[in-house]
């Protein structure tokens, strides 16, 4: 089973997150655009998504809407990870039932702690 699906189009960030989370013992899969994210989420059924908002082909917010609308993925934990950290983006992500929100730039410790918190909450 895949623990985390990272959805990020920036290769350096994707590689960094994959390394950091994998080093902490979680199994990681990746998607580089919104369409790939939806396909991977439905196929892999990860325990959580780490989802960028600004993505090619389909925005992260559109992905989140579709994740929440589909019976097989509606309860999946989703943490939004974005450089667009304005209050509006946080409120919109919350309205779409995102479980968490991390603003870039972020610290590795912050990401690991949020992933651990989310996976612990979902496992309890």
PDB file of N, CA and C in Angstrom:
ATOM      1  N   UNK A   1       0.836  -1.182   0.000  1.00  0.00           N
ATOM      2  CA  UNK A   1       0.000   0.000   0.000  1.00  0.00           C
ATOM      3  C   UNK A   1       0.878   1.241   0.000  1.00  0.00           C
ATOM      4  N   UNK A   2       0.457   2.235  -0.775  1.00  0.00           N
ATOM      5  CA  UNK A   2       1.174   3.498  -0.841  1.00  0.00           C
ATOM      6  C   UNK A   2       0.726   4.396   0.310  1.00  0.00           C
ATOM      7  N   UNK A   3       1.699   4.921   1.027  1.00  0.00           N
ATOM      8  CA  UNK A   3       1.373   5.839   2.119  1.00  0.00           C
ATOM      9  C   UNK A   3       1.010   7.226   1.599  1.00  0.00           C
ATOM     10  N   UNK A   4       1.863   7.764   0.714  1.00  0.00           N
ATOM     11  CA  UNK A   4       1.728   9.162   0.301  1.00  0.00           C
ATOM     12  C   UNK A   4       1.840   9.289  -1.211  1.00  0.00           C
ATOM     13  N   UNK A   5       0.890   9.990  -1.806  1.00  0.00           N
ATOM     14  CA  UNK A   5       0.985  10.395  -3.203  1.00  0.00           C
ATOM     15  C   UNK A   5       1.349  11.871  -3.201  1.00  0.00           C
ATOM     16  N   UNK A   6       2.535  12.190  -3.725  1.00  0.00           N
ATOM     17  CA  UNK A   6       2.980  13.576  -3.820  1.00  0.00           C
ATOM     18  C   UNK A   6       2.610  14.071  -5.207  1.00  0.00           C
ATOM     19  N   UNK A   7       1.872  15.172  -5.247  1.00  0.00           N
ATOM     20  CA  UNK A   7       1.462  15.764  -6.514  1.00  0.00           C
ATOM     21  C   UNK A   7       2.132  17.128  -6.615  1.00  0.00           C
ATOM     22  N   UNK A   8       3.156  17.205  -7.464  1.00  0.00           N
ATOM     23  CA  UNK A   8       4.001  18.397  -7.554  1.00  0.00           C
ATOM     24  C   UNK A   8       4.627  18.420  -8.945  1.00  0.00           C
ATOM     25  N   UNK A   9       4.609  19.559  -9.612  1.00  0.00           N
ATOM     26  CA  UNK A   9       5.175  19.650 -10.957  1.00  0.00           C
ATOM     27  C   UNK A   9       6.617  20.146 -10.987  1.00  0.00           C
ATOM     28  N   UNK A  10       7.120  20.657  -9.889  1.00  0.00           N
ATOM     29  CA  UNK A  10       8.490  21.154  -9.835  1.00  0.00           C
ATOM     30  C   UNK A  10       9.427  19.996  -9.473  1.00  0.00           C
ATOM     31  N   UNK A  11      10.290  19.558 -10.425  1.00  0.00           N
ATOM     32  CA  UNK A  11      11.128  18.368 -10.190  1.00  0.00           C
ATOM     33  C   UNK A  11      11.980  18.415  -8.927  1.00  0.00           C
ATOM     34  N   UNK A  12      12.600  19.554  -8.629  1.00  0.00           N
ATOM     35  CA  UNK A  12      13.468  19.626  -7.444  1.00  0.00           C
ATOM     36  C   UNK A  12      12.664  19.444  -6.161  1.00  0.00           C
ATOM     37  N   UNK A  13      11.479  20.037  -6.087  1.00  0.00           N
ATOM     38  CA  UNK A  13      10.637  19.887  -4.902  1.00  0.00           C
ATOM     39  C   UNK A  13      10.137  18.457  -4.800  1.00  0.00           C
ATOM     40  N   UNK A  14       9.734  17.888  -5.923  1.00  0.00           N
ATOM     41  CA  UNK A  14       9.244  16.510  -5.944  1.00  0.00           C
ATOM     42  C   UNK A  14      10.322  15.536  -5.472  1.00  0.00           C
ATOM     43  N   UNK A  15      11.534  15.703  -5.984  1.00  0.00           N
ATOM     44  CA  UNK A  15      12.639  14.824  -5.577  1.00  0.00           C
ATOM     45  C   UNK A  15      12.951  14.987  -4.090  1.00  0.00           C
ATOM     46  N   UNK A  16      12.963  16.228  -3.625  1.00  0.00           N
ATOM     47  CA  UNK A  16      13.258  16.494  -2.220  1.00  0.00           C
ATOM     48  C   UNK A  16      12.210  15.870  -1.300  1.00  0.00           C
ATOM     49  N   UNK A  17      10.937  16.100  -1.618  1.00  0.00           N
ATOM     50  CA  UNK A  17       9.865  15.532  -0.784  1.00  0.00           C
ATOM     51  C   UNK A  17       9.894  14.009  -0.806  1.00  0.00           C
ATOM     52  N   UNK A  18      10.111  13.430  -1.984  1.00  0.00           N
ATOM     53  CA  UNK A  18      10.176  11.968  -2.095  1.00  0.00           C
ATOM     54  C   UNK A  18      11.288  11.409  -1.219  1.00  0.00           C
ATOM     55  N   UNK A  19      12.446  12.056  -1.269  1.00  0.00           N
ATOM     56  CA  UNK A  19      13.589  11.608  -0.474  1.00  0.00           C
ATOM     57  C   UNK A  19      13.307  11.728   1.019  1.00  0.00           C
ATOM     58  N   UNK A  20      12.837  12.905   1.436  1.00  0.00           N
ATOM     59  CA  UNK A  20      12.593  13.157   2.858  1.00  0.00           C
ATOM     60  C   UNK A  20      11.554  12.197   3.429  1.00  0.00           C
ATOM     61  N   UNK A  21      10.458  12.039   2.727  1.00  0.00           N
ATOM     62  CA  UNK A  21       9.384  11.177   3.239  1.00  0.00           C
ATOM     63  C   UNK A  21       9.766   9.707   3.161  1.00  0.00           C
ATOM     64  N   UNK A  22      10.448   9.311   2.102  1.00  0.00           N
ATOM     65  CA  UNK A  22      10.924   7.932   1.992  1.00  0.00           C
ATOM     66  C   UNK A  22      11.934   7.589   3.076  1.00  0.00           C
ATOM     67  N   UNK A  23      12.809   8.547   3.383  1.00  0.00           N
ATOM     68  CA  UNK A  23      13.810   8.356   4.434  1.00  0.00           C
ATOM     69  C   UNK A  23      13.156   8.164   5.806  1.00  0.00           C
ATOM     70  N   UNK A  24      11.965   8.708   5.963  1.00  0.00           N
ATOM     71  CA  UNK A  24      11.237   8.551   7.216  1.00  0.00           C
ATOM     72  C   UNK A  24      10.387   7.287   7.252  1.00  0.00           C
ATOM     73  N   UNK A  25      10.516   6.450   6.235  1.00  0.00           N
ATOM     74  CA  UNK A  25       9.893   5.133   6.261  1.00  0.00           C
ATOM     75  C   UNK A  25       8.557   4.996   5.548  1.00  0.00           C
ATOM     76  N   UNK A  26       8.092   6.060   4.890  1.00  0.00           N
ATOM     77  CA  UNK A  26       6.812   5.968   4.194  1.00  0.00           C
ATOM     78  C   UNK A  26       7.028   5.582   2.739  1.00  0.00           C
ATOM     79  N   UNK A  27       6.099   4.822   2.188  1.00  0.00           N
ATOM     80  CA  UNK A  27       6.141   4.509   0.762  1.00  0.00           C
ATOM     81  C   UNK A  27       5.516   5.682   0.009  1.00  0.00           C
ATOM     82  N   UNK A  28       6.184   6.076  -1.074  1.00  0.00           N
ATOM     83  CA  UNK A  28       5.814   7.291  -1.783  1.00  0.00           C
ATOM     84  C   UNK A  28       5.600   6.996  -3.260  1.00  0.00           C
ATOM     85  N   UNK A  29       4.553   7.588  -3.822  1.00  0.00           N
ATOM     86  CA  UNK A  29       4.330   7.606  -5.263  1.00  0.00           C
ATOM     87  C   UNK A  29       4.226   9.067  -5.667  1.00  0.00           C
ATOM     88  N   UNK A  30       4.424   9.359  -6.959  1.00  0.00           N
ATOM     89  CA  UNK A  30       4.410  10.742  -7.405  1.00  0.00           C
ATOM     90  C   UNK A  30       3.522  10.922  -8.636  1.00  0.00           C
ATOM     91  N   UNK A  31       3.012  12.134  -8.769  1.00  0.00           N
ATOM     92  CA  UNK A  31       2.284  12.551  -9.961  1.00  0.00           C
ATOM     93  C   UNK A  31       2.715  13.983 -10.256  1.00  0.00           C
ATOM     94  N   UNK A  32       2.868  14.305 -11.534  1.00  0.00           N
ATOM     95  CA  UNK A  32       3.402  15.611 -11.921  1.00  0.00           C
ATOM     96  C   UNK A  32       2.356  16.577 -12.479  1.00  0.00           C
ATOM     97  N   UNK A  33       1.111  16.126 -12.594  1.00  0.00           N
ATOM     98  CA  UNK A  33       0.046  17.032 -13.024  1.00  0.00           C
ATOM     99  C   UNK A  33      -1.284  16.559 -12.447  1.00  0.00           C
ATOM    100  N   UNK A  34      -2.310  17.395 -12.588  1.00  0.00           N
ATOM    101  CA  UNK A  34      -3.599  17.090 -11.978  1.00  0.00           C
ATOM    102  C   UNK A  34      -4.269  15.844 -12.518  1.00  0.00           C
ATOM    103  N   UNK A  35      -4.164  15.614 -13.814  1.00  0.00           N
ATOM    104  CA  UNK A  35      -4.783  14.418 -14.393  1.00  0.00           C
ATOM    105  C   UNK A  35      -4.102  13.151 -13.885  1.00  0.00           C
ATOM    106  N   UNK A  36      -2.774  13.163 -13.846  1.00  0.00           N
ATOM    107  CA  UNK A  36      -2.032  12.017 -13.307  1.00  0.00           C
ATOM    108  C   UNK A  36      -2.386  11.791 -11.839  1.00  0.00           C
ATOM    109  N   UNK A  37      -2.593  12.872 -11.111  1.00  0.00           N
ATOM    110  CA  UNK A  37      -2.923  12.781  -9.686  1.00  0.00           C
ATOM    111  C   UNK A  37      -4.228  12.025  -9.479  1.00  0.00           C
ATOM    112  N   UNK A  38      -5.247  12.373 -10.241  1.00  0.00           N
ATOM    113  CA  UNK A  38      -6.546  11.699 -10.098  1.00  0.00           C
ATOM    114  C   UNK A  38      -6.446  10.224 -10.449  1.00  0.00           C
ATOM    115  N   UNK A  39      -5.751   9.926 -11.533  1.00  0.00           N
ATOM    116  CA  UNK A  39      -5.598   8.531 -11.948  1.00  0.00           C
ATOM    117  C   UNK A  39      -4.840   7.742 -10.877  1.00  0.00           C
ATOM    118  N   UNK A  40      -3.750   8.310 -10.374  1.00  0.00           N
ATOM    119  CA  UNK A  40      -2.942   7.624  -9.366  1.00  0.00           C
ATOM    120  C   UNK A  40      -3.707   7.471  -8.052  1.00  0.00           C
ATOM    121  N   UNK A  41      -4.459   8.480  -7.661  1.00  0.00           N
ATOM    122  CA  UNK A  41      -5.223   8.399  -6.410  1.00  0.00           C
ATOM    123  C   UNK A  41      -6.259   7.279  -6.483  1.00  0.00           C
ATOM    124  N   UNK A  42      -6.929   7.156  -7.610  1.00  0.00           N
ATOM    125  CA  UNK A  42      -7.951   6.114  -7.756  1.00  0.00           C
ATOM    126  C   UNK A  42      -7.339   4.723  -7.871  1.00  0.00           C
ATOM    127  N   UNK A  43      -6.193   4.637  -8.543  1.00  0.00           N
ATOM    128  CA  UNK A  43      -5.544   3.341  -8.756  1.00  0.00           C
ATOM    129  C   UNK A  43      -4.795   2.863  -7.512  1.00  0.00           C
ATOM    130  N   UNK A  44      -4.033   3.760  -6.870  1.00  0.00           N
ATOM    131  CA  UNK A  44      -3.164   3.373  -5.757  1.00  0.00           C
ATOM    132  C   UNK A  44      -3.853   3.434  -4.395  1.00  0.00           C
ATOM    133  N   UNK A  45      -4.855   4.282  -4.264  1.00  0.00           N
ATOM    134  CA  UNK A  45      -5.531   4.506  -2.989  1.00  0.00           C
ATOM    135  C   UNK A  45      -4.540   4.781  -1.853  1.00  0.00           C
ATOM    136  N   UNK A  46      -3.726   5.831  -2.009  1.00  0.00           N
ATOM    137  CA  UNK A  46      -2.749   6.156  -0.956  1.00  0.00           C
ATOM    138  C   UNK A  46      -3.453   6.556   0.332  1.00  0.00           C
ATOM    139  N   UNK A  47      -2.724   6.497   1.410  1.00  0.00           N
ATOM    140  CA  UNK A  47      -3.278   6.933   2.696  1.00  0.00           C
ATOM    141  C   UNK A  47      -3.469   8.442   2.720  1.00  0.00           C
ATOM    142  N   UNK A  48      -2.640   9.172   1.955  1.00  0.00           N
ATOM    143  CA  UNK A  48      -2.794  10.631   1.902  1.00  0.00           C
ATOM    144  C   UNK A  48      -2.201  11.195   0.627  1.00  0.00           C
ATOM    145  N   UNK A  49      -2.671  12.389   0.261  1.00  0.00           N
ATOM    146  CA  UNK A  49      -2.125  13.168  -0.847  1.00  0.00           C
ATOM    147  C   UNK A  49      -1.446  14.394  -0.291  1.00  0.00           C
ATOM    148  N   UNK A  50      -0.275  14.700  -0.810  1.00  0.00           N
ATOM    149  CA  UNK A  50       0.402  15.958  -0.562  1.00  0.00           C
ATOM    150  C   UNK A  50       0.271  16.696  -1.887  1.00  0.00           C
ATOM    151  N   UNK A  51      -0.613  17.691  -1.953  1.00  0.00           N
ATOM    152  CA  UNK A  51      -1.133  18.228  -3.204  1.00  0.00           C
ATOM    153  C   UNK A  51      -0.791  19.698  -3.416  1.00  0.00           C
ATOM    154  N   UNK A  52      -0.014  19.968  -4.474  1.00  0.00           N
ATOM    155  CA  UNK A  52       0.265  21.339  -4.873  1.00  0.00           C
ATOM    156  C   UNK A  52      -0.998  21.928  -5.504  1.00  0.00           C
ATOM    157  N   UNK A  53      -1.201  23.231  -5.388  1.00  0.00           N
ATOM    158  CA  UNK A  53      -2.369  23.871  -6.004  1.00  0.00           C
ATOM    159  C   UNK A  53      -2.108  24.198  -7.474  1.00  0.00           C
ATOM    160  N   UNK A  54      -0.942  24.755  -7.767  1.00  0.00           N
ATOM    161  CA  UNK A  54      -0.653  25.189  -9.132  1.00  0.00           C
ATOM    162  C   UNK A  54      -0.002  24.044  -9.909  1.00  0.00           C
ATOM    163  N   UNK A  55      -0.838  23.365 -10.717  1.00  0.00           N
ATOM    164  CA  UNK A  55      -0.410  22.194 -11.475  1.00  0.00           C
ATOM    165  C   UNK A  55      -0.802  22.331 -12.939  1.00  0.00           C
ATOM    166  N   UNK A  56      -0.072  21.663 -13.835  1.00  0.00           N
ATOM    167  CA  UNK A  56      -0.503  21.616 -15.230  1.00  0.00           C
ATOM    168  C   UNK A  56      -1.732  20.704 -15.394  1.00  0.00           C
ATOM    169  N   UNK A  57      -2.474  20.937 -16.454  1.00  0.00           N
ATOM    170  CA  UNK A  57      -3.612  20.130 -16.908  1.00  0.00           C
ATOM    171  C   UNK A  57      -4.856  20.251 -16.041  1.00  0.00           C
ATOM    172  N   UNK A  58      -4.716  20.267 -14.735  1.00  0.00           N
ATOM    173  CA  UNK A  58      -5.851  20.389 -13.828  1.00  0.00           C
ATOM    174  C   UNK A  58      -5.302  20.916 -12.511  1.00  0.00           C
ATOM    175  N   UNK A  59      -5.897  21.973 -11.980  1.00  0.00           N
ATOM    176  CA  UNK A  59      -5.355  22.568 -10.756  1.00  0.00           C
ATOM    177  C   UNK A  59      -5.520  21.629  -9.562  1.00  0.00           C
ATOM    178  N   UNK A  60      -4.719  21.874  -8.549  1.00  0.00           N
ATOM    179  CA  UNK A  60      -4.826  21.090  -7.327  1.00  0.00           C
ATOM    180  C   UNK A  60      -6.195  21.233  -6.668  1.00  0.00           C
ATOM    181  N   UNK A  61      -6.789  22.422  -6.774  1.00  0.00           N
ATOM    182  CA  UNK A  61      -8.121  22.616  -6.193  1.00  0.00           C
ATOM    183  C   UNK A  61      -9.167  21.814  -6.954  1.00  0.00           C
ATOM    184  N   UNK A  62      -9.021  21.721  -8.280  1.00  0.00           N
ATOM    185  CA  UNK A  62      -9.926  20.874  -9.061  1.00  0.00           C
ATOM    186  C   UNK A  62      -9.723  19.404  -8.706  1.00  0.00           C
ATOM    187  N   UNK A  63      -8.474  19.013  -8.506  1.00  0.00           N
ATOM    188  CA  UNK A  63      -8.187  17.637  -8.079  1.00  0.00           C
ATOM    189  C   UNK A  63      -8.861  17.362  -6.740  1.00  0.00           C
ATOM    190  N   UNK A  64      -8.722  18.292  -5.807  1.00  0.00           N
ATOM    191  CA  UNK A  64      -9.326  18.131  -4.487  1.00  0.00           C
ATOM    192  C   UNK A  64     -10.842  17.994  -4.592  1.00  0.00           C
ATOM    193  N   UNK A  65     -11.479  18.820  -5.418  1.00  0.00           N
ATOM    194  CA  UNK A  65     -12.932  18.713  -5.629  1.00  0.00           C
ATOM    195  C   UNK A  65     -13.308  17.318  -6.114  1.00  0.00           C
ATOM    196  N   UNK A  66     -12.570  16.812  -7.102  1.00  0.00           N
ATOM    197  CA  UNK A  66     -12.883  15.493  -7.653  1.00  0.00           C
ATOM    198  C   UNK A  66     -12.595  14.364  -6.665  1.00  0.00           C
ATOM    199  N   UNK A  67     -11.534  14.509  -5.889  1.00  0.00           N
ATOM    200  CA  UNK A  67     -11.212  13.514  -4.854  1.00  0.00           C
ATOM    201  C   UNK A  67     -12.377  13.426  -3.862  1.00  0.00           C
ATOM    202  N   UNK A  68     -12.860  14.573  -3.425  1.00  0.00           N
ATOM    203  CA  UNK A  68     -13.955  14.600  -2.448  1.00  0.00           C
ATOM    204  C   UNK A  68     -15.282  14.135  -3.044  1.00  0.00           C
ATOM    205  N   UNK A  69     -15.459  14.263  -4.364  1.00  0.00           N
ATOM    206  CA  UNK A  69     -16.720  13.886  -5.000  1.00  0.00           C
ATOM    207  C   UNK A  69     -16.806  12.396  -5.338  1.00  0.00           C
ATOM    208  N   UNK A  70     -15.677  11.708  -5.372  1.00  0.00           N
ATOM    209  CA  UNK A  70     -15.647  10.298  -5.775  1.00  0.00           C
ATOM    210  C   UNK A  70     -15.742   9.396  -4.548  1.00  0.00           C
ATOM    211  N   UNK A  71     -16.678   8.450  -4.518  1.00  0.00           N
ATOM    212  CA  UNK A  71     -16.872   7.594  -3.332  1.00  0.00           C
ATOM    213  C   UNK A  71     -15.608   6.841  -2.889  1.00  0.00           C
ATOM    214  N   UNK A  72     -14.785   6.427  -3.849  1.00  0.00           N
ATOM    215  CA  UNK A  72     -13.597   5.644  -3.498  1.00  0.00           C
ATOM    216  C   UNK A  72     -12.493   6.486  -2.871  1.00  0.00           C
ATOM    217  N   UNK A  73     -12.518   7.801  -3.071  1.00  0.00           N
ATOM    218  CA  UNK A  73     -11.425   8.646  -2.581  1.00  0.00           C
ATOM    219  C   UNK A  73     -11.893   9.760  -1.649  1.00  0.00           C
ATOM    220  N   UNK A  74     -13.182   9.871  -1.406  1.00  0.00           N
ATOM    221  CA  UNK A  74     -13.721  11.028  -0.668  1.00  0.00           C
ATOM    222  C   UNK A  74     -13.160  11.176   0.744  1.00  0.00           C
ATOM    223  N   UNK A  75     -12.723  10.086   1.375  1.00  0.00           N
ATOM    224  CA  UNK A  75     -12.212  10.156   2.739  1.00  0.00           C
ATOM    225  C   UNK A  75     -10.684  10.188   2.821  1.00  0.00           C
ATOM    226  N   UNK A  76     -10.021  10.260   1.675  1.00  0.00           N
ATOM    227  CA  UNK A  76      -8.564  10.292   1.630  1.00  0.00           C
ATOM    228  C   UNK A  76      -8.061  11.583   2.277  1.00  0.00           C
ATOM    229  N   UNK A  77      -7.026  11.484   3.079  1.00  0.00           N
ATOM    230  CA  UNK A  77      -6.419  12.671   3.685  1.00  0.00           C
ATOM    231  C   UNK A  77      -5.711  13.473   2.597  1.00  0.00           C
ATOM    232  N   UNK A  78      -5.931  14.791   2.591  1.00  0.00           N
ATOM    233  CA  UNK A  78      -5.299  15.666   1.604  1.00  0.00           C
ATOM    234  C   UNK A  78      -4.703  16.874   2.321  1.00  0.00           C
ATOM    235  N   UNK A  79      -3.401  17.049   2.148  1.00  0.00           N
ATOM    236  CA  UNK A  79      -2.714  18.230   2.659  1.00  0.00           C
ATOM    237  C   UNK A  79      -2.280  19.048   1.451  1.00  0.00           C
ATOM    238  N   UNK A  80      -2.741  20.282   1.411  1.00  0.00           N
ATOM    239  CA  UNK A  80      -2.408  21.184   0.320  1.00  0.00           C
ATOM    240  C   UNK A  80      -1.045  21.810   0.611  1.00  0.00           C
ATOM    241  N   UNK A  81      -0.186  21.779  -0.416  1.00  0.00           N
ATOM    242  CA  UNK A  81       1.179  22.304  -0.320  1.00  0.00           C
ATOM    243  C   UNK A  81       1.342  23.317  -1.437  1.00  0.00           C
ATOM    244  N   UNK A  82       1.513  24.590  -1.091  1.00  0.00           N
ATOM    245  CA  UNK A  82       1.524  25.596  -2.146  1.00  0.00           C
ATOM    246  C   UNK A  82       2.331  26.831  -1.802  1.00  0.00           C
ATOM    247  N   UNK A  83       2.799  27.488  -2.843  1.00  0.00           N
ATOM    248  CA  UNK A  83       3.468  28.783  -2.688  1.00  0.00           C
ATOM    249  C   UNK A  83       2.439  29.888  -2.537  1.00  0.00           C
ATOM    250  N   UNK A  84       1.197  29.584  -2.878  1.00  0.00           N
ATOM    251  CA  UNK A  84       0.121  30.576  -2.782  1.00  0.00           C
ATOM    252  C   UNK A  84      -0.501  30.473  -1.394  1.00  0.00           C
ATOM    253  N   UNK A  85       0.136  31.099  -0.424  1.00  0.00           N
ATOM    254  CA  UNK A  85      -0.287  30.937   0.957  1.00  0.00           C
ATOM    255  C   UNK A  85      -1.193  32.022   1.490  1.00  0.00           C
ATOM    256  N   UNK A  86      -1.801  32.787   0.593  1.00  0.00           N
ATOM    257  CA  UNK A  86      -2.679  33.837   1.058  1.00  0.00           C
ATOM    258  C   UNK A  86      -3.884  33.253   1.784  1.00  0.00           C
ATOM    259  N   UNK A  87      -4.507  34.091   2.575  1.00  0.00           N
ATOM    260  CA  UNK A  87      -5.672  33.676   3.353  1.00  0.00           C
ATOM    261  C   UNK A  87      -6.764  33.090   2.444  1.00  0.00           C
ATOM    262  N   UNK A  88      -6.975  33.707   1.282  1.00  0.00           N
ATOM    263  CA  UNK A  88      -7.987  33.239   0.342  1.00  0.00           C
ATOM    264  C   UNK A  88      -7.752  31.771  -0.043  1.00  0.00           C
ATOM    265  N   UNK A  89      -6.489  31.429  -0.341  1.00  0.00           N
ATOM    266  CA  UNK A  89      -6.172  30.052  -0.738  1.00  0.00           C
ATOM    267  C   UNK A  89      -6.427  29.073   0.405  1.00  0.00           C
ATOM    268  N   UNK A  90      -6.083  29.475   1.607  1.00  0.00           N
ATOM    269  CA  UNK A  90      -6.346  28.623   2.776  1.00  0.00           C
ATOM    270  C   UNK A  90      -7.849  28.416   2.963  1.00  0.00           C
ATOM    271  N   UNK A  91      -8.605  29.494   2.840  1.00  0.00           N
ATOM    272  CA  UNK A  91     -10.057  29.395   3.016  1.00  0.00           C
ATOM    273  C   UNK A  91     -10.686  28.519   1.940  1.00  0.00           C
ATOM    274  N   UNK A  92     -10.244  28.685   0.690  1.00  0.00           N
ATOM    275  CA  UNK A  92     -10.780  27.874  -0.402  1.00  0.00           C
ATOM    276  C   UNK A  92     -10.433  26.399  -0.196  1.00  0.00           C
ATOM    277  N   UNK A  93      -9.198  26.116   0.196  1.00  0.00           N
ATOM    278  CA  UNK A  93      -8.800  24.726   0.463  1.00  0.00           C
ATOM    279  C   UNK A  93      -9.628  24.147   1.607  1.00  0.00           C
ATOM    280  N   UNK A  94      -9.882  24.937   2.633  1.00  0.00           N
ATOM    281  CA  UNK A  94     -10.697  24.480   3.762  1.00  0.00           C
ATOM    282  C   UNK A  94     -12.135  24.221   3.328  1.00  0.00           C
ATOM    283  N   UNK A  95     -12.688  25.096   2.484  1.00  0.00           N
ATOM    284  CA  UNK A  95     -14.052  24.901   1.976  1.00  0.00           C
ATOM    285  C   UNK A  95     -14.171  23.605   1.184  1.00  0.00           C
ATOM    286  N   UNK A  96     -13.081  23.223   0.531  1.00  0.00           N
ATOM    287  CA  UNK A  96     -13.061  21.984  -0.252  1.00  0.00           C
ATOM    288  C   UNK A  96     -12.665  20.786   0.603  1.00  0.00           C
ATOM    289  N   UNK A  97     -12.605  20.989   1.910  1.00  0.00           N
ATOM    290  CA  UNK A  97     -12.316  19.934   2.887  1.00  0.00           C
ATOM    291  C   UNK A  97     -10.899  19.384   2.823  1.00  0.00           C
ATOM    292  N   UNK A  98      -9.932  20.264   2.577  1.00  0.00           N
ATOM    293  CA  UNK A  98      -8.538  19.846   2.725  1.00  0.00           C
ATOM    294  C   UNK A  98      -8.303  19.575   4.203  1.00  0.00           C
ATOM    295  N   UNK A  99      -7.483  18.603   4.496  1.00  0.00           N
ATOM    296  CA  UNK A  99      -7.215  18.232   5.884  1.00  0.00           C
ATOM    297  C   UNK A  99      -6.089  19.040   6.504  1.00  0.00           C
ATOM    298  N   UNK A 100      -5.250  19.642   5.659  1.00  0.00           N
ATOM    299  CA  UNK A 100      -4.132  20.428   6.152  1.00  0.00           C
ATOM    300  C   UNK A 100      -3.628  21.342   5.061  1.00  0.00           C
ATOM    301  N   UNK A 101      -2.730  22.260   5.433  1.00  0.00           N
ATOM    302  CA  UNK A 101      -2.240  23.275   4.503  1.00  0.00           C
ATOM    303  C   UNK A 101      -0.821  23.633   4.897  1.00  0.00           C
ATOM    304  N   UNK A 102       0.122  23.493   3.960  1.00  0.00           N
ATOM    305  CA  UNK A 102       1.516  23.875   4.201  1.00  0.00           C
ATOM    306  C   UNK A 102       1.908  24.874   3.123  1.00  0.00           C
ATOM    307  N   UNK A 103       2.502  25.986   3.549  1.00  0.00           N
ATOM    308  CA  UNK A 103       2.912  27.031   2.622  1.00  0.00           C
ATOM    309  C   UNK A 103       4.398  26.897   2.283  1.00  0.00           C
ATOM    310  N   UNK A 104       4.725  26.985   0.988  1.00  0.00           N
ATOM    311  CA  UNK A 104       6.115  27.041   0.535  1.00  0.00           C
ATOM    312  C   UNK A 104       6.601  28.468   0.736  1.00  0.00           C
ATOM    313  N   UNK A 105       7.845  28.692   1.112  1.00  0.00           N
ATOM    314  CA  UNK A 105       8.805  27.657   1.457  1.00  0.00           C
ATOM    315  C   UNK A 105       8.485  27.046   2.815  1.00  0.00           C
ATOM    316  N   UNK A 106       8.770  25.800   2.943  1.00  0.00           N
ATOM    317  CA  UNK A 106       8.476  25.048   4.159  1.00  0.00           C
ATOM    318  C   UNK A 106       9.773  24.424   4.662  1.00  0.00           C
ATOM    319  N   UNK A 107       9.765  23.997   5.898  1.00  0.00           N
ATOM    320  CA  UNK A 107      10.925  23.263   6.407  1.00  0.00           C
ATOM    321  C   UNK A 107      10.629  21.768   6.268  1.00  0.00           C
ATOM    322  N   UNK A 108      11.672  21.000   6.113  1.00  0.00           N
ATOM    323  CA  UNK A 108      11.500  19.537   6.024  1.00  0.00           C
ATOM    324  C   UNK A 108      10.829  18.999   7.277  1.00  0.00           C
ATOM    325  N   UNK A 109      11.199  19.542   8.419  1.00  0.00           N
ATOM    326  CA  UNK A 109      10.616  19.114   9.692  1.00  0.00           C
ATOM    327  C   UNK A 109       9.112  19.371   9.688  1.00  0.00           C
ATOM    328  N   UNK A 110       8.708  20.527   9.192  1.00  0.00           N
ATOM    329  CA  UNK A 110       7.283  20.873   9.134  1.00  0.00           C
ATOM    330  C   UNK A 110       6.502  19.865   8.286  1.00  0.00           C
ATOM    331  N   UNK A 111       7.048  19.490   7.141  1.00  0.00           N
ATOM    332  CA  UNK A 111       6.369  18.535   6.263  1.00  0.00           C
ATOM    333  C   UNK A 111       6.275  17.173   6.936  1.00  0.00           C
ATOM    334  N   UNK A 112       7.371  16.703   7.490  1.00  0.00           N
ATOM    335  CA  UNK A 112       7.376  15.395   8.155  1.00  0.00           C
ATOM    336  C   UNK A 112       6.389  15.378   9.318  1.00  0.00           C
ATOM    337  N   UNK A 113       6.370  16.435  10.113  1.00  0.00           N
ATOM    338  CA  UNK A 113       5.446  16.485  11.247  1.00  0.00           C
ATOM    339  C   UNK A 113       3.991  16.478  10.791  1.00  0.00           C
ATOM    340  N   UNK A 114       3.675  17.220   9.731  1.00  0.00           N
ATOM    341  CA  UNK A 114       2.301  17.263   9.232  1.00  0.00           C
ATOM    342  C   UNK A 114       1.884  15.916   8.635  1.00  0.00           C
ATOM    343  N   UNK A 115       2.777  15.280   7.904  1.00  0.00           N
ATOM    344  CA  UNK A 115       2.476  13.953   7.345  1.00  0.00           C
ATOM    345  C   UNK A 115       2.272  12.950   8.476  1.00  0.00           C
ATOM    346  N   UNK A 116       3.146  12.971   9.462  1.00  0.00           N
ATOM    347  CA  UNK A 116       3.013  12.060  10.600  1.00  0.00           C
ATOM    348  C   UNK A 116       1.691  12.297  11.331  1.00  0.00           C
ATOM    349  N   UNK A 117       1.343  13.561  11.558  1.00  0.00           N
ATOM    350  CA  UNK A 117       0.089  13.897  12.222  1.00  0.00           C
ATOM    351  C   UNK A 117      -1.113  13.389  11.418  1.00  0.00           C
ATOM    352  N   UNK A 118      -1.074  13.620  10.129  1.00  0.00           N
ATOM    353  CA  UNK A 118      -2.194  13.223   9.282  1.00  0.00           C
ATOM    354  C   UNK A 118      -2.343  11.705   9.225  1.00  0.00           C
ATOM    355  N   UNK A 119      -1.244  11.000   9.066  1.00  0.00           N
ATOM    356  CA  UNK A 119      -1.320   9.546   8.971  1.00  0.00           C
ATOM    357  C   UNK A 119      -1.687   8.924  10.321  1.00  0.00           C
ATOM    358  N   UNK A 120      -1.279   9.553  11.417  1.00  0.00           N
ATOM    359  CA  UNK A 120      -1.654   9.070  12.744  1.00  0.00           C
ATOM    360  C   UNK A 120      -3.137   9.289  12.982  1.00  0.00           C
ATOM    361  N   UNK A 121      -3.647  10.467  12.605  1.00  0.00           N
ATOM    362  CA  UNK A 121      -5.077  10.748  12.756  1.00  0.00           C
ATOM    363  C   UNK A 121      -5.923   9.769  11.949  1.00  0.00           C
ATOM    364  N   UNK A 122      -5.487   9.497  10.725  1.00  0.00           N
ATOM    365  CA  UNK A 122      -6.247   8.621   9.838  1.00  0.00           C
ATOM    366  C   UNK A 122      -6.136   7.158  10.238  1.00  0.00           C
ATOM    367  N   UNK A 123      -5.098   6.841  10.968  1.00  0.00           N
ATOM    368  CA  UNK A 123      -4.881   5.448  11.386  1.00  0.00           C
ATOM    369  C   UNK A 123      -5.606   5.150  12.693  1.00  0.00           C
ATOM    370  N   UNK A 124      -5.856   6.187  13.476  1.00  0.00           N
ATOM    371  CA  UNK A 124      -6.476   6.009  14.792  1.00  0.00           C
ATOM    372  C   UNK A 124      -7.913   5.539  14.715  1.00  0.00           C
TER     373      UNK A 124
END
